[in-house]
Amino acid sequence: MSAVAEWEDYAEYLVELRDRVCRHCIVRREHGPPCAAAGLGCGIEQHLPDLVALCRSLDSPLIDPYGEKLDEVICKHCELRTSSICPCPLHYLLPLAVEAVETVEARHSRAALA
């Protein structure tokens, strides 16, 4: 699968995340998102497929398992890990990000049943 096709598969997630999460980001620029173009390291933009996979792999009413998995699956391998950008806003916005991904997943489940 090409990178463009892969991102097209995640377009709905990105829209939901930007709507529900990015507006709460304290480093968001006036005309953002997207933030990568402004030189900001955004975990949502950089690791969207992994973030969605992380959320799909867990089902917990607690955020702690998601935070542990974030560190293990995404942060541990992030190229910005040793930069001044780390930790990125995804760390403190994780509860909202999980809710946004789960909203899209629920929409997909309802559509599959219809």
PDB file of N, CA and C in Angstrom:
ATOM      1  N   MET A   1       0.841  -1.163   0.000  1.00  0.00           N
ATOM      2  CA  MET A   1       0.000   0.000   0.000  1.00  0.00           C
ATOM      3  C   MET A   1       0.897   1.240   0.000  1.00  0.00           C
ATOM      4  N   SER A   2       0.562   2.199  -0.816  1.00  0.00           N
ATOM      5  CA  SER A   2       1.361   3.419  -0.871  1.00  0.00           C
ATOM      6  C   SER A   2       1.088   4.271   0.358  1.00  0.00           C
ATOM      7  N   ALA A   3       2.025   5.179   0.643  1.00  0.00           N
ATOM      8  CA  ALA A   3       1.861   6.061   1.800  1.00  0.00           C
ATOM      9  C   ALA A   3       0.619   6.927   1.644  1.00  0.00           C
ATOM     10  N   VAL A   4       0.333   7.381   0.416  1.00  0.00           N
ATOM     11  CA  VAL A   4      -0.851   8.207   0.174  1.00  0.00           C
ATOM     12  C   VAL A   4      -2.117   7.403   0.452  1.00  0.00           C
ATOM     13  N   ALA A   5      -2.177   6.168  -0.048  1.00  0.00           N
ATOM     14  CA  ALA A   5      -3.347   5.330   0.189  1.00  0.00           C
ATOM     15  C   ALA A   5      -3.521   5.046   1.670  1.00  0.00           C
ATOM     16  N   GLU A   6      -2.417   4.812   2.359  1.00  0.00           N
ATOM     17  CA  GLU A   6      -2.497   4.547   3.793  1.00  0.00           C
ATOM     18  C   GLU A   6      -3.085   5.753   4.524  1.00  0.00           C
ATOM     19  N   TRP A   7      -2.629   6.952   4.197  1.00  0.00           N
ATOM     20  CA  TRP A   7      -3.151   8.139   4.863  1.00  0.00           C
ATOM     21  C   TRP A   7      -4.609   8.371   4.504  1.00  0.00           C
ATOM     22  N   GLU A   8      -5.015   8.036   3.275  1.00  0.00           N
ATOM     23  CA  GLU A   8      -6.419   8.166   2.901  1.00  0.00           C
ATOM     24  C   GLU A   8      -7.278   7.268   3.779  1.00  0.00           C
ATOM     25  N   ASP A   9      -6.769   6.094   4.152  1.00  0.00           N
ATOM     26  CA  ASP A   9      -7.487   5.186   5.042  1.00  0.00           C
ATOM     27  C   ASP A   9      -7.692   5.803   6.423  1.00  0.00           C
ATOM     28  N   TYR A  10      -6.855   6.738   6.797  1.00  0.00           N
ATOM     29  CA  TYR A  10      -6.921   7.348   8.115  1.00  0.00           C
ATOM     30  C   TYR A  10      -7.488   8.763   8.096  1.00  0.00           C
ATOM     31  N   ALA A  11      -7.978   9.209   6.962  1.00  0.00           N
ATOM     32  CA  ALA A  11      -8.465  10.583   6.829  1.00  0.00           C
ATOM     33  C   ALA A  11      -9.588  10.895   7.818  1.00  0.00           C
ATOM     34  N   GLU A  12     -10.508   9.968   8.004  1.00  0.00           N
ATOM     35  CA  GLU A  12     -11.615  10.199   8.931  1.00  0.00           C
ATOM     36  C   GLU A  12     -11.107  10.345  10.371  1.00  0.00           C
ATOM     37  N   TYR A  13     -10.114   9.551  10.719  1.00  0.00           N
ATOM     38  CA  TYR A  13      -9.514   9.652  12.056  1.00  0.00           C
ATOM     39  C   TYR A  13      -8.836  11.010  12.232  1.00  0.00           C
ATOM     40  N   LEU A  14      -8.118  11.443  11.215  1.00  0.00           N
ATOM     41  CA  LEU A  14      -7.405  12.709  11.305  1.00  0.00           C
ATOM     42  C   LEU A  14      -8.384  13.870  11.468  1.00  0.00           C
ATOM     43  N   VAL A  15      -9.489  13.843  10.742  1.00  0.00           N
ATOM     44  CA  VAL A  15     -10.501  14.894  10.870  1.00  0.00           C
ATOM     45  C   VAL A  15     -11.066  14.915  12.290  1.00  0.00           C
ATOM     46  N   GLU A  16     -11.412  13.754  12.813  1.00  0.00           N
ATOM     47  CA  GLU A  16     -11.969  13.662  14.162  1.00  0.00           C
ATOM     48  C   GLU A  16     -10.953  14.125  15.210  1.00  0.00           C
ATOM     49  N   LEU A  17      -9.711  13.704  15.059  1.00  0.00           N
ATOM     50  CA  LEU A  17      -8.662  14.099  15.995  1.00  0.00           C
ATOM     51  C   LEU A  17      -8.428  15.603  15.963  1.00  0.00           C
ATOM     52  N   ARG A  18      -8.371  16.159  14.778  1.00  0.00           N
ATOM     53  CA  ARG A  18      -8.141  17.604  14.680  1.00  0.00           C
ATOM     54  C   ARG A  18      -9.307  18.383  15.274  1.00  0.00           C
ATOM     55  N   ASP A  19     -10.519  17.868  15.107  1.00  0.00           N
ATOM     56  CA  ASP A  19     -11.695  18.542  15.637  1.00  0.00           C
ATOM     57  C   ASP A  19     -11.767  18.458  17.159  1.00  0.00           C
ATOM     58  N   ARG A  20     -11.487  17.291  17.718  1.00  0.00           N
ATOM     59  CA  ARG A  20     -11.691  17.069  19.148  1.00  0.00           C
ATOM     60  C   ARG A  20     -10.439  17.253  19.993  1.00  0.00           C
ATOM     61  N   VAL A  21      -9.263  17.139  19.378  1.00  0.00           N
ATOM     62  CA  VAL A  21      -8.025  17.137  20.160  1.00  0.00           C
ATOM     63  C   VAL A  21      -7.180  18.377  19.892  1.00  0.00           C
ATOM     64  N   CYS A  22      -6.920  18.662  18.653  1.00  0.00           N
ATOM     65  CA  CYS A  22      -5.971  19.720  18.308  1.00  0.00           C
ATOM     66  C   CYS A  22      -6.376  21.088  18.842  1.00  0.00           C
ATOM     67  N   ARG A  23      -7.645  21.338  18.963  1.00  0.00           N
ATOM     68  CA  ARG A  23      -8.072  22.650  19.468  1.00  0.00           C
ATOM     69  C   ARG A  23      -7.700  22.854  20.934  1.00  0.00           C
ATOM     70  N   HIS A  24      -7.324  21.782  21.624  1.00  0.00           N
ATOM     71  CA  HIS A  24      -6.907  21.872  23.022  1.00  0.00           C
ATOM     72  C   HIS A  24      -5.382  21.919  23.183  1.00  0.00           C
ATOM     73  N   CYS A  25      -4.664  21.837  22.083  1.00  0.00           N
ATOM     74  CA  CYS A  25      -3.204  21.786  22.124  1.00  0.00           C
ATOM     75  C   CYS A  25      -2.636  23.159  22.477  1.00  0.00           C
ATOM     76  N   ILE A  26      -1.752  23.187  23.472  1.00  0.00           N
ATOM     77  CA  ILE A  26      -1.198  24.467  23.905  1.00  0.00           C
ATOM     78  C   ILE A  26      -0.095  24.991  22.986  1.00  0.00           C
ATOM     79  N   VAL A  27       0.437  24.162  22.090  1.00  0.00           N
ATOM     80  CA  VAL A  27       1.470  24.636  21.164  1.00  0.00           C
ATOM     81  C   VAL A  27       0.930  24.850  19.752  1.00  0.00           C
ATOM     82  N   ARG A  28      -0.357  24.676  19.580  1.00  0.00           N
ATOM     83  CA  ARG A  28      -0.984  24.849  18.269  1.00  0.00           C
ATOM     84  C   ARG A  28      -0.822  26.287  17.789  1.00  0.00           C
ATOM     85  N   ARG A  29      -0.454  26.410  16.540  1.00  0.00           N
ATOM     86  CA  ARG A  29      -0.303  27.728  15.927  1.00  0.00           C
ATOM     87  C   ARG A  29      -1.675  28.267  15.524  1.00  0.00           C
ATOM     88  N   GLU A  30      -1.736  29.553  15.270  1.00  0.00           N
ATOM     89  CA  GLU A  30      -2.993  30.212  14.933  1.00  0.00           C
ATOM     90  C   GLU A  30      -3.704  29.553  13.760  1.00  0.00           C
ATOM     91  N   HIS A  31      -2.973  29.182  12.750  1.00  0.00           N
ATOM     92  CA  HIS A  31      -3.596  28.596  11.565  1.00  0.00           C
ATOM     93  C   HIS A  31      -3.420  27.086  11.499  1.00  0.00           C
ATOM     94  N   GLY A  32      -3.087  26.457  12.606  1.00  0.00           N
ATOM     95  CA  GLY A  32      -2.870  25.012  12.616  1.00  0.00           C
ATOM     96  C   GLY A  32      -4.145  24.290  12.980  1.00  0.00           C
ATOM     97  N   PRO A  33      -4.182  23.046  12.835  1.00  0.00           N
ATOM     98  CA  PRO A  33      -3.227  22.155  12.188  1.00  0.00           C
ATOM     99  C   PRO A  33      -3.340  22.223  10.668  1.00  0.00           C
ATOM    100  N   PRO A  34      -2.437  21.635   9.934  1.00  0.00           N
ATOM    101  CA  PRO A  34      -1.358  20.759  10.368  1.00  0.00           C
ATOM    102  C   PRO A  34      -0.206  21.545  10.987  1.00  0.00           C
ATOM    103  N   CYS A  35       0.490  20.886  11.872  1.00  0.00           N
ATOM    104  CA  CYS A  35       1.558  21.555  12.623  1.00  0.00           C
ATOM    105  C   CYS A  35       2.958  21.213  12.126  1.00  0.00           C
ATOM    106  N   ALA A  36       3.117  20.097  11.445  1.00  0.00           N
ATOM    107  CA  ALA A  36       4.444  19.708  10.972  1.00  0.00           C
ATOM    108  C   ALA A  36       5.044  20.784  10.072  1.00  0.00           C
ATOM    109  N   ALA A  37       4.212  21.404   9.254  1.00  0.00           N
ATOM    110  CA  ALA A  37       4.691  22.449   8.349  1.00  0.00           C
ATOM    111  C   ALA A  37       5.217  23.663   9.116  1.00  0.00           C
ATOM    112  N   ALA A  38       4.742  23.835  10.352  1.00  0.00           N
ATOM    113  CA  ALA A  38       5.190  24.950  11.186  1.00  0.00           C
ATOM    114  C   ALA A  38       6.387  24.564  12.046  1.00  0.00           C
ATOM    115  N   GLY A  39       6.902  23.354  11.829  1.00  0.00           N
ATOM    116  CA  GLY A  39       8.070  22.904  12.570  1.00  0.00           C
ATOM    117  C   GLY A  39       7.759  22.295  13.925  1.00  0.00           C
ATOM    118  N   LEU A  40       6.503  22.008  14.173  1.00  0.00           N
ATOM    119  CA  LEU A  40       6.105  21.400  15.442  1.00  0.00           C
ATOM    120  C   LEU A  40       6.020  19.895  15.293  1.00  0.00           C
ATOM    121  N   GLY A  41       6.569  19.188  16.237  1.00  0.00           N
ATOM    122  CA  GLY A  41       6.501  17.732  16.208  1.00  0.00           C
ATOM    123  C   GLY A  41       5.213  17.255  16.842  1.00  0.00           C
ATOM    124  N   CYS A  42       4.267  16.880  16.026  1.00  0.00           N
ATOM    125  CA  CYS A  42       2.958  16.461  16.511  1.00  0.00           C
ATOM    126  C   CYS A  42       2.844  14.945  16.430  1.00  0.00           C
ATOM    127  N   GLY A  43       2.646  14.315  17.569  1.00  0.00           N
ATOM    128  CA  GLY A  43       2.509  12.863  17.611  1.00  0.00           C
ATOM    129  C   GLY A  43       1.318  12.360  16.834  1.00  0.00           C
ATOM    130  N   ILE A  44       0.269  13.140  16.764  1.00  0.00           N
ATOM    131  CA  ILE A  44      -0.906  12.732  15.991  1.00  0.00           C
ATOM    132  C   ILE A  44      -0.562  12.696  14.515  1.00  0.00           C
ATOM    133  N   GLU A  45       0.043  13.752  14.016  1.00  0.00           N
ATOM    134  CA  GLU A  45       0.383  13.808  12.589  1.00  0.00           C
ATOM    135  C   GLU A  45       1.464  12.801  12.221  1.00  0.00           C
ATOM    136  N   GLN A  46       2.450  12.632  13.081  1.00  0.00           N
ATOM    137  CA  GLN A  46       3.577  11.756  12.758  1.00  0.00           C
ATOM    138  C   GLN A  46       3.267  10.276  12.927  1.00  0.00           C
ATOM    139  N   HIS A  47       2.365   9.946  13.824  1.00  0.00           N
ATOM    140  CA  HIS A  47       2.163   8.542  14.184  1.00  0.00           C
ATOM    141  C   HIS A  47       0.708   8.115  14.102  1.00  0.00           C
ATOM    142  N   LEU A  48      -0.054   8.710  13.202  1.00  0.00           N
ATOM    143  CA  LEU A  48      -1.487   8.435  13.126  1.00  0.00           C
ATOM    144  C   LEU A  48      -1.820   6.951  12.996  1.00  0.00           C
ATOM    145  N   PRO A  49      -1.234   6.218  12.053  1.00  0.00           N
ATOM    146  CA  PRO A  49      -1.570   4.790  11.959  1.00  0.00           C
ATOM    147  C   PRO A  49      -1.262   4.020  13.243  1.00  0.00           C
ATOM    148  N   ASP A  50      -0.133   4.338  13.876  1.00  0.00           N
ATOM    149  CA  ASP A  50       0.223   3.664  15.127  1.00  0.00           C
ATOM    150  C   ASP A  50      -0.716   4.060  16.264  1.00  0.00           C
ATOM    151  N   LEU A  51      -1.149   5.301  16.286  1.00  0.00           N
ATOM    152  CA  LEU A  51      -2.084   5.755  17.310  1.00  0.00           C
ATOM    153  C   LEU A  51      -3.417   5.025  17.180  1.00  0.00           C
ATOM    154  N   VAL A  52      -3.904   4.896  15.955  1.00  0.00           N
ATOM    155  CA  VAL A  52      -5.158   4.171  15.729  1.00  0.00           C
ATOM    156  C   VAL A  52      -4.997   2.712  16.126  1.00  0.00           C
ATOM    157  N   ALA A  53      -3.894   2.093  15.742  1.00  0.00           N
ATOM    158  CA  ALA A  53      -3.644   0.686  16.106  1.00  0.00           C
ATOM    159  C   ALA A  53      -3.552   0.520  17.614  1.00  0.00           C
ATOM    160  N   LEU A  54      -2.901   1.455  18.282  1.00  0.00           N
ATOM    161  CA  LEU A  54      -2.802   1.419  19.741  1.00  0.00           C
ATOM    162  C   LEU A  54      -4.188   1.430  20.369  1.00  0.00           C
ATOM    163  N   CYS A  55      -5.045   2.331  19.918  1.00  0.00           N
ATOM    164  CA  CYS A  55      -6.395   2.436  20.472  1.00  0.00           C
ATOM    165  C   CYS A  55      -7.215   1.182  20.178  1.00  0.00           C
ATOM    166  N   ARG A  56      -7.032   0.614  19.015  1.00  0.00           N
ATOM    167  CA  ARG A  56      -7.757  -0.617  18.659  1.00  0.00           C
ATOM    168  C   ARG A  56      -7.303  -1.803  19.508  1.00  0.00           C
ATOM    169  N   SER A  57      -6.066  -1.768  19.984  1.00  0.00           N
ATOM    170  CA  SER A  57      -5.506  -2.916  20.701  1.00  0.00           C
ATOM    171  C   SER A  57      -5.923  -2.967  22.169  1.00  0.00           C
ATOM    172  N   LEU A  58      -6.528  -1.896  22.656  1.00  0.00           N
ATOM    173  CA  LEU A  58      -6.910  -1.833  24.068  1.00  0.00           C
ATOM    174  C   LEU A  58      -8.395  -1.525  24.207  1.00  0.00           C
ATOM    175  N   ASP A  59      -8.951  -1.943  25.327  1.00  0.00           N
ATOM    176  CA  ASP A  59     -10.325  -1.602  25.668  1.00  0.00           C
ATOM    177  C   ASP A  59     -10.377  -1.474  27.184  1.00  0.00           C
ATOM    178  N   SER A  60     -10.066  -0.284  27.659  1.00  0.00           N
ATOM    179  CA  SER A  60      -9.991  -0.067  29.097  1.00  0.00           C
ATOM    180  C   SER A  60     -10.701   1.231  29.453  1.00  0.00           C
ATOM    181  N   PRO A  61     -11.408   1.241  30.578  1.00  0.00           N
ATOM    182  CA  PRO A  61     -12.007   2.498  31.040  1.00  0.00           C
ATOM    183  C   PRO A  61     -10.957   3.439  31.642  1.00  0.00           C
ATOM    184  N   LEU A  62      -9.759   2.920  31.864  1.00  0.00           N
ATOM    185  CA  LEU A  62      -8.662   3.708  32.429  1.00  0.00           C
ATOM    186  C   LEU A  62      -7.719   4.176  31.332  1.00  0.00           C
ATOM    187  N   ILE A  63      -7.097   5.330  31.510  1.00  0.00           N
ATOM    188  CA  ILE A  63      -6.171   5.858  30.515  1.00  0.00           C
ATOM    189  C   ILE A  63      -4.768   5.300  30.692  1.00  0.00           C
ATOM    190  N   ASP A  64      -4.430   4.817  31.888  1.00  0.00           N
ATOM    191  CA  ASP A  64      -3.077   4.335  32.151  1.00  0.00           C
ATOM    192  C   ASP A  64      -2.585   3.289  31.151  1.00  0.00           C
ATOM    193  N   PRO A  65      -3.381   2.281  30.806  1.00  0.00           N
ATOM    194  CA  PRO A  65      -2.884   1.301  29.819  1.00  0.00           C
ATOM    195  C   PRO A  65      -2.565   1.944  28.464  1.00  0.00           C
ATOM    196  N   TYR A  66      -3.322   2.960  28.092  1.00  0.00           N
ATOM    197  CA  TYR A  66      -3.068   3.655  26.832  1.00  0.00           C
ATOM    198  C   TYR A  66      -1.763   4.440  26.913  1.00  0.00           C
ATOM    199  N   GLY A  67      -1.512   5.061  28.047  1.00  0.00           N
ATOM    200  CA  GLY A  67      -0.264   5.797  28.236  1.00  0.00           C
ATOM    201  C   GLY A  67       0.948   4.883  28.204  1.00  0.00           C
ATOM    202  N   GLU A  68       0.825   3.730  28.836  1.00  0.00           N
ATOM    203  CA  GLU A  68       1.926   2.760  28.816  1.00  0.00           C
ATOM    204  C   GLU A  68       2.178   2.263  27.401  1.00  0.00           C
ATOM    205  N   LYS A  69       1.110   1.992  26.683  1.00  0.00           N
ATOM    206  CA  LYS A  69       1.240   1.506  25.307  1.00  0.00           C
ATOM    207  C   LYS A  69       1.796   2.612  24.405  1.00  0.00           C
ATOM    208  N   LEU A  70       1.410   3.862  24.653  1.00  0.00           N
ATOM    209  CA  LEU A  70       1.945   4.991  23.886  1.00  0.00           C
ATOM    210  C   LEU A  70       3.464   5.036  24.022  1.00  0.00           C
ATOM    211  N   ASP A  71       3.945   4.938  25.255  1.00  0.00           N
ATOM    212  CA  ASP A  71       5.387   4.963  25.480  1.00  0.00           C
ATOM    213  C   ASP A  71       6.081   3.785  24.807  1.00  0.00           C
ATOM    214  N   GLU A  72       5.461   2.618  24.893  1.00  0.00           N
ATOM    215  CA  GLU A  72       6.055   1.388  24.362  1.00  0.00           C
ATOM    216  C   GLU A  72       6.034   1.316  22.833  1.00  0.00           C
ATOM    217  N   VAL A  73       4.929   1.698  22.236  1.00  0.00           N
ATOM    218  CA  VAL A  73       4.746   1.505  20.794  1.00  0.00           C
ATOM    219  C   VAL A  73       5.154   2.718  19.966  1.00  0.00           C
ATOM    220  N   ILE A  74       4.869   3.905  20.456  1.00  0.00           N
ATOM    221  CA  ILE A  74       5.116   5.113  19.662  1.00  0.00           C
ATOM    222  C   ILE A  74       6.346   5.876  20.158  1.00  0.00           C
ATOM    223  N   CYS A  75       6.338   6.279  21.394  1.00  0.00           N
ATOM    224  CA  CYS A  75       7.412   7.145  21.910  1.00  0.00           C
ATOM    225  C   CYS A  75       8.785   6.483  21.861  1.00  0.00           C
ATOM    226  N   LYS A  76       8.831   5.223  22.185  1.00  0.00           N
ATOM    227  CA  LYS A  76      10.107   4.498  22.216  1.00  0.00           C
ATOM    228  C   LYS A  76      10.833   4.546  20.874  1.00  0.00           C
ATOM    229  N   HIS A  77      10.065   4.639  19.779  1.00  0.00           N
ATOM    230  CA  HIS A  77      10.642   4.601  18.432  1.00  0.00           C
ATOM    231  C   HIS A  77      10.555   5.950  17.702  1.00  0.00           C
ATOM    232  N   CYS A  78      10.078   6.968  18.365  1.00  0.00           N
ATOM    233  CA  CYS A  78       9.892   8.267  17.719  1.00  0.00           C
ATOM    234  C   CYS A  78      11.240   8.937  17.460  1.00  0.00           C
ATOM    235  N   GLU A  79      11.380   9.489  16.265  1.00  0.00           N
ATOM    236  CA  GLU A  79      12.633  10.154  15.900  1.00  0.00           C
ATOM    237  C   GLU A  79      12.844  11.457  16.666  1.00  0.00           C
ATOM    238  N   LEU A  80      11.820  11.990  17.285  1.00  0.00           N
ATOM    239  CA  LEU A  80      11.943  13.224  18.051  1.00  0.00           C
ATOM    240  C   LEU A  80      12.145  12.971  19.544  1.00  0.00           C
ATOM    241  N   ARG A  81      12.302  11.713  19.916  1.00  0.00           N
ATOM    242  CA  ARG A  81      12.389  11.313  21.332  1.00  0.00           C
ATOM    243  C   ARG A  81      13.471  12.071  22.101  1.00  0.00           C
ATOM    244  N   THR A  82      14.587  12.325  21.479  1.00  0.00           N
ATOM    245  CA  THR A  82      15.680  12.994  22.184  1.00  0.00           C
ATOM    246  C   THR A  82      15.735  14.495  21.888  1.00  0.00           C
ATOM    247  N   SER A  83      14.707  15.022  21.258  1.00  0.00           N
ATOM    248  CA  SER A  83      14.698  16.446  20.915  1.00  0.00           C
ATOM    249  C   SER A  83      13.990  17.257  22.003  1.00  0.00           C
ATOM    250  N   SER A  84      14.060  18.556  21.860  1.00  0.00           N
ATOM    251  CA  SER A  84      13.397  19.444  22.818  1.00  0.00           C
ATOM    252  C   SER A  84      11.879  19.406  22.672  1.00  0.00           C
ATOM    253  N   ILE A  85      11.390  18.846  21.587  1.00  0.00           N
ATOM    254  CA  ILE A  85       9.949  18.746  21.342  1.00  0.00           C
ATOM    255  C   ILE A  85       9.312  17.662  22.211  1.00  0.00           C
ATOM    256  N   CYS A  86      10.113  16.698  22.629  1.00  0.00           N
ATOM    257  CA  CYS A  86       9.621  15.559  23.405  1.00  0.00           C
ATOM    258  C   CYS A  86       9.491  15.942  24.880  1.00  0.00           C
ATOM    259  N   PRO A  87       8.428  15.591  25.531  1.00  0.00           N
ATOM    260  CA  PRO A  87       7.271  14.876  25.004  1.00  0.00           C
ATOM    261  C   PRO A  87       6.357  15.820  24.228  1.00  0.00           C
ATOM    262  N   CYS A  88       5.789  15.293  23.191  1.00  0.00           N
ATOM    263  CA  CYS A  88       4.893  16.089  22.350  1.00  0.00           C
ATOM    264  C   CYS A  88       3.520  16.196  23.027  1.00  0.00           C
ATOM    265  N   PRO A  89       2.671  17.071  22.527  1.00  0.00           N
ATOM    266  CA  PRO A  89       1.352  17.266  23.127  1.00  0.00           C
ATOM    267  C   PRO A  89       0.483  16.006  23.184  1.00  0.00           C
ATOM    268  N   LEU A  90       0.804  15.017  22.383  1.00  0.00           N
ATOM    269  CA  LEU A  90       0.008  13.791  22.418  1.00  0.00           C
ATOM    270  C   LEU A  90      -0.005  13.190  23.813  1.00  0.00           C
ATOM    271  N   HIS A  91       1.046  13.392  24.579  1.00  0.00           N
ATOM    272  CA  HIS A  91       1.093  12.851  25.941  1.00  0.00           C
ATOM    273  C   HIS A  91      -0.049  13.381  26.802  1.00  0.00           C
ATOM    274  N   TYR A  92      -0.219  14.683  26.855  1.00  0.00           N
ATOM    275  CA  TYR A  92      -1.270  15.223  27.719  1.00  0.00           C
ATOM    276  C   TYR A  92      -2.639  15.230  27.041  1.00  0.00           C
ATOM    277  N   LEU A  93      -2.661  15.072  25.730  1.00  0.00           N
ATOM    278  CA  LEU A  93      -3.927  15.032  24.998  1.00  0.00           C
ATOM    279  C   LEU A  93      -4.403  13.599  24.730  1.00  0.00           C
ATOM    280  N   LEU A  94      -3.677  12.626  25.245  1.00  0.00           N
ATOM    281  CA  LEU A  94      -4.012  11.223  24.970  1.00  0.00           C
ATOM    282  C   LEU A  94      -5.452  10.860  25.313  1.00  0.00           C
ATOM    283  N   PRO A  95      -6.003  11.269  26.449  1.00  0.00           N
ATOM    284  CA  PRO A  95      -7.403  10.902  26.712  1.00  0.00           C
ATOM    285  C   PRO A  95      -8.358  11.382  25.619  1.00  0.00           C
ATOM    286  N   LEU A  96      -8.147  12.602  25.127  1.00  0.00           N
ATOM    287  CA  LEU A  96      -8.996  13.119  24.046  1.00  0.00           C
ATOM    288  C   LEU A  96      -8.744  12.369  22.743  1.00  0.00           C
ATOM    289  N   ALA A  97      -7.490  12.009  22.492  1.00  0.00           N
ATOM    290  CA  ALA A  97      -7.156  11.259  21.274  1.00  0.00           C
ATOM    291  C   ALA A  97      -7.815   9.886  21.281  1.00  0.00           C
ATOM    292  N   VAL A  98      -7.783   9.214  22.416  1.00  0.00           N
ATOM    293  CA  VAL A  98      -8.419   7.899  22.528  1.00  0.00           C
ATOM    294  C   VAL A  98      -9.917   8.034  22.280  1.00  0.00           C
ATOM    295  N   GLU A  99     -10.547   9.027  22.867  1.00  0.00           N
ATOM    296  CA  GLU A  99     -11.982   9.253  22.648  1.00  0.00           C
ATOM    297  C   GLU A  99     -12.287   9.507  21.179  1.00  0.00           C
ATOM    298  N   ALA A 100     -11.460  10.278  20.512  1.00  0.00           N
ATOM    299  CA  ALA A 100     -11.681  10.586  19.100  1.00  0.00           C
ATOM    300  C   ALA A 100     -11.566   9.330  18.238  1.00  0.00           C
ATOM    301  N   VAL A 101     -10.540   8.535  18.475  1.00  0.00           N
ATOM    302  CA  VAL A 101     -10.373   7.289  17.709  1.00  0.00           C
ATOM    303  C   VAL A 101     -11.540   6.351  17.985  1.00  0.00           C
ATOM    304  N   GLU A 102     -11.946   6.241  19.238  1.00  0.00           N
ATOM    305  CA  GLU A 102     -13.063   5.362  19.580  1.00  0.00           C
ATOM    306  C   GLU A 102     -14.373   5.855  18.971  1.00  0.00           C
ATOM    307  N   THR A 103     -14.530   7.152  18.800  1.00  0.00           N
ATOM    308  CA  THR A 103     -15.711   7.702  18.140  1.00  0.00           C
ATOM    309  C   THR A 103     -15.776   7.241  16.690  1.00  0.00           C
ATOM    310  N   VAL A 104     -14.646   7.304  16.002  1.00  0.00           N
ATOM    311  CA  VAL A 104     -14.602   6.848  14.603  1.00  0.00           C
ATOM    312  C   VAL A 104     -14.857   5.341  14.531  1.00  0.00           C
ATOM    313  N   GLU A 105     -14.250   4.592  15.433  1.00  0.00           N
ATOM    314  CA  GLU A 105     -14.459   3.140  15.462  1.00  0.00           C
ATOM    315  C   GLU A 105     -15.937   2.809  15.679  1.00  0.00           C
ATOM    316  N   ALA A 106     -16.594   3.522  16.571  1.00  0.00           N
ATOM    317  CA  ALA A 106     -18.016   3.295  16.827  1.00  0.00           C
ATOM    318  C   ALA A 106     -18.851   3.624  15.597  1.00  0.00           C
ATOM    319  N   ARG A 107     -18.489   4.693  14.911  1.00  0.00           N
ATOM    320  CA  ARG A 107     -19.192   5.061  13.671  1.00  0.00           C
ATOM    321  C   ARG A 107     -19.042   3.958  12.640  1.00  0.00           C
ATOM    322  N   HIS A 108     -17.845   3.404  12.514  1.00  0.00           N
ATOM    323  CA  HIS A 108     -17.606   2.316  11.562  1.00  0.00           C
ATOM    324  C   HIS A 108     -18.413   1.072  11.942  1.00  0.00           C
ATOM    325  N   SER A 109     -18.500   0.792  13.230  1.00  0.00           N
ATOM    326  CA  SER A 109     -19.274  -0.375  13.677  1.00  0.00           C
ATOM    327  C   SER A 109     -20.753  -0.212  13.382  1.00  0.00           C
ATOM    328  N   ARG A 110     -21.279   0.974  13.633  1.00  0.00           N
ATOM    329  CA  ARG A 110     -22.699   1.235  13.332  1.00  0.00           C
ATOM    330  C   ARG A 110     -22.966   1.138  11.838  1.00  0.00           C
ATOM    331  N   ALA A 111     -22.043   1.643  11.017  1.00  0.00           N
ATOM    332  CA  ALA A 111     -22.221   1.595   9.559  1.00  0.00           C
ATOM    333  C   ALA A 111     -22.187   0.158   9.056  1.00  0.00           C
ATOM    334  N   ALA A 112     -21.349  -0.675   9.687  1.00  0.00           N
ATOM    335  CA  ALA A 112     -21.251  -2.075   9.283  1.00  0.00           C
ATOM    336  C   ALA A 112     -22.529  -2.839   9.604  1.00  0.00           C
ATOM    337  N   LEU A 113     -23.225  -2.421  10.658  1.00  0.00           N
ATOM    338  CA  LEU A 113     -24.474  -3.072  11.050  1.00  0.00           C
ATOM    339  C   LEU A 113     -25.662  -2.619  10.232  1.00  0.00           C
ATOM    340  N   ALA A 114     -25.553  -1.457   9.631  1.00  0.00           N
ATOM    341  CA  ALA A 114     -26.677  -0.884   8.853  1.00  0.00           C
ATOM    342  C   ALA A 114     -26.864  -1.565   7.521  1.00  0.00           C
TER     343      ALA A 114
END
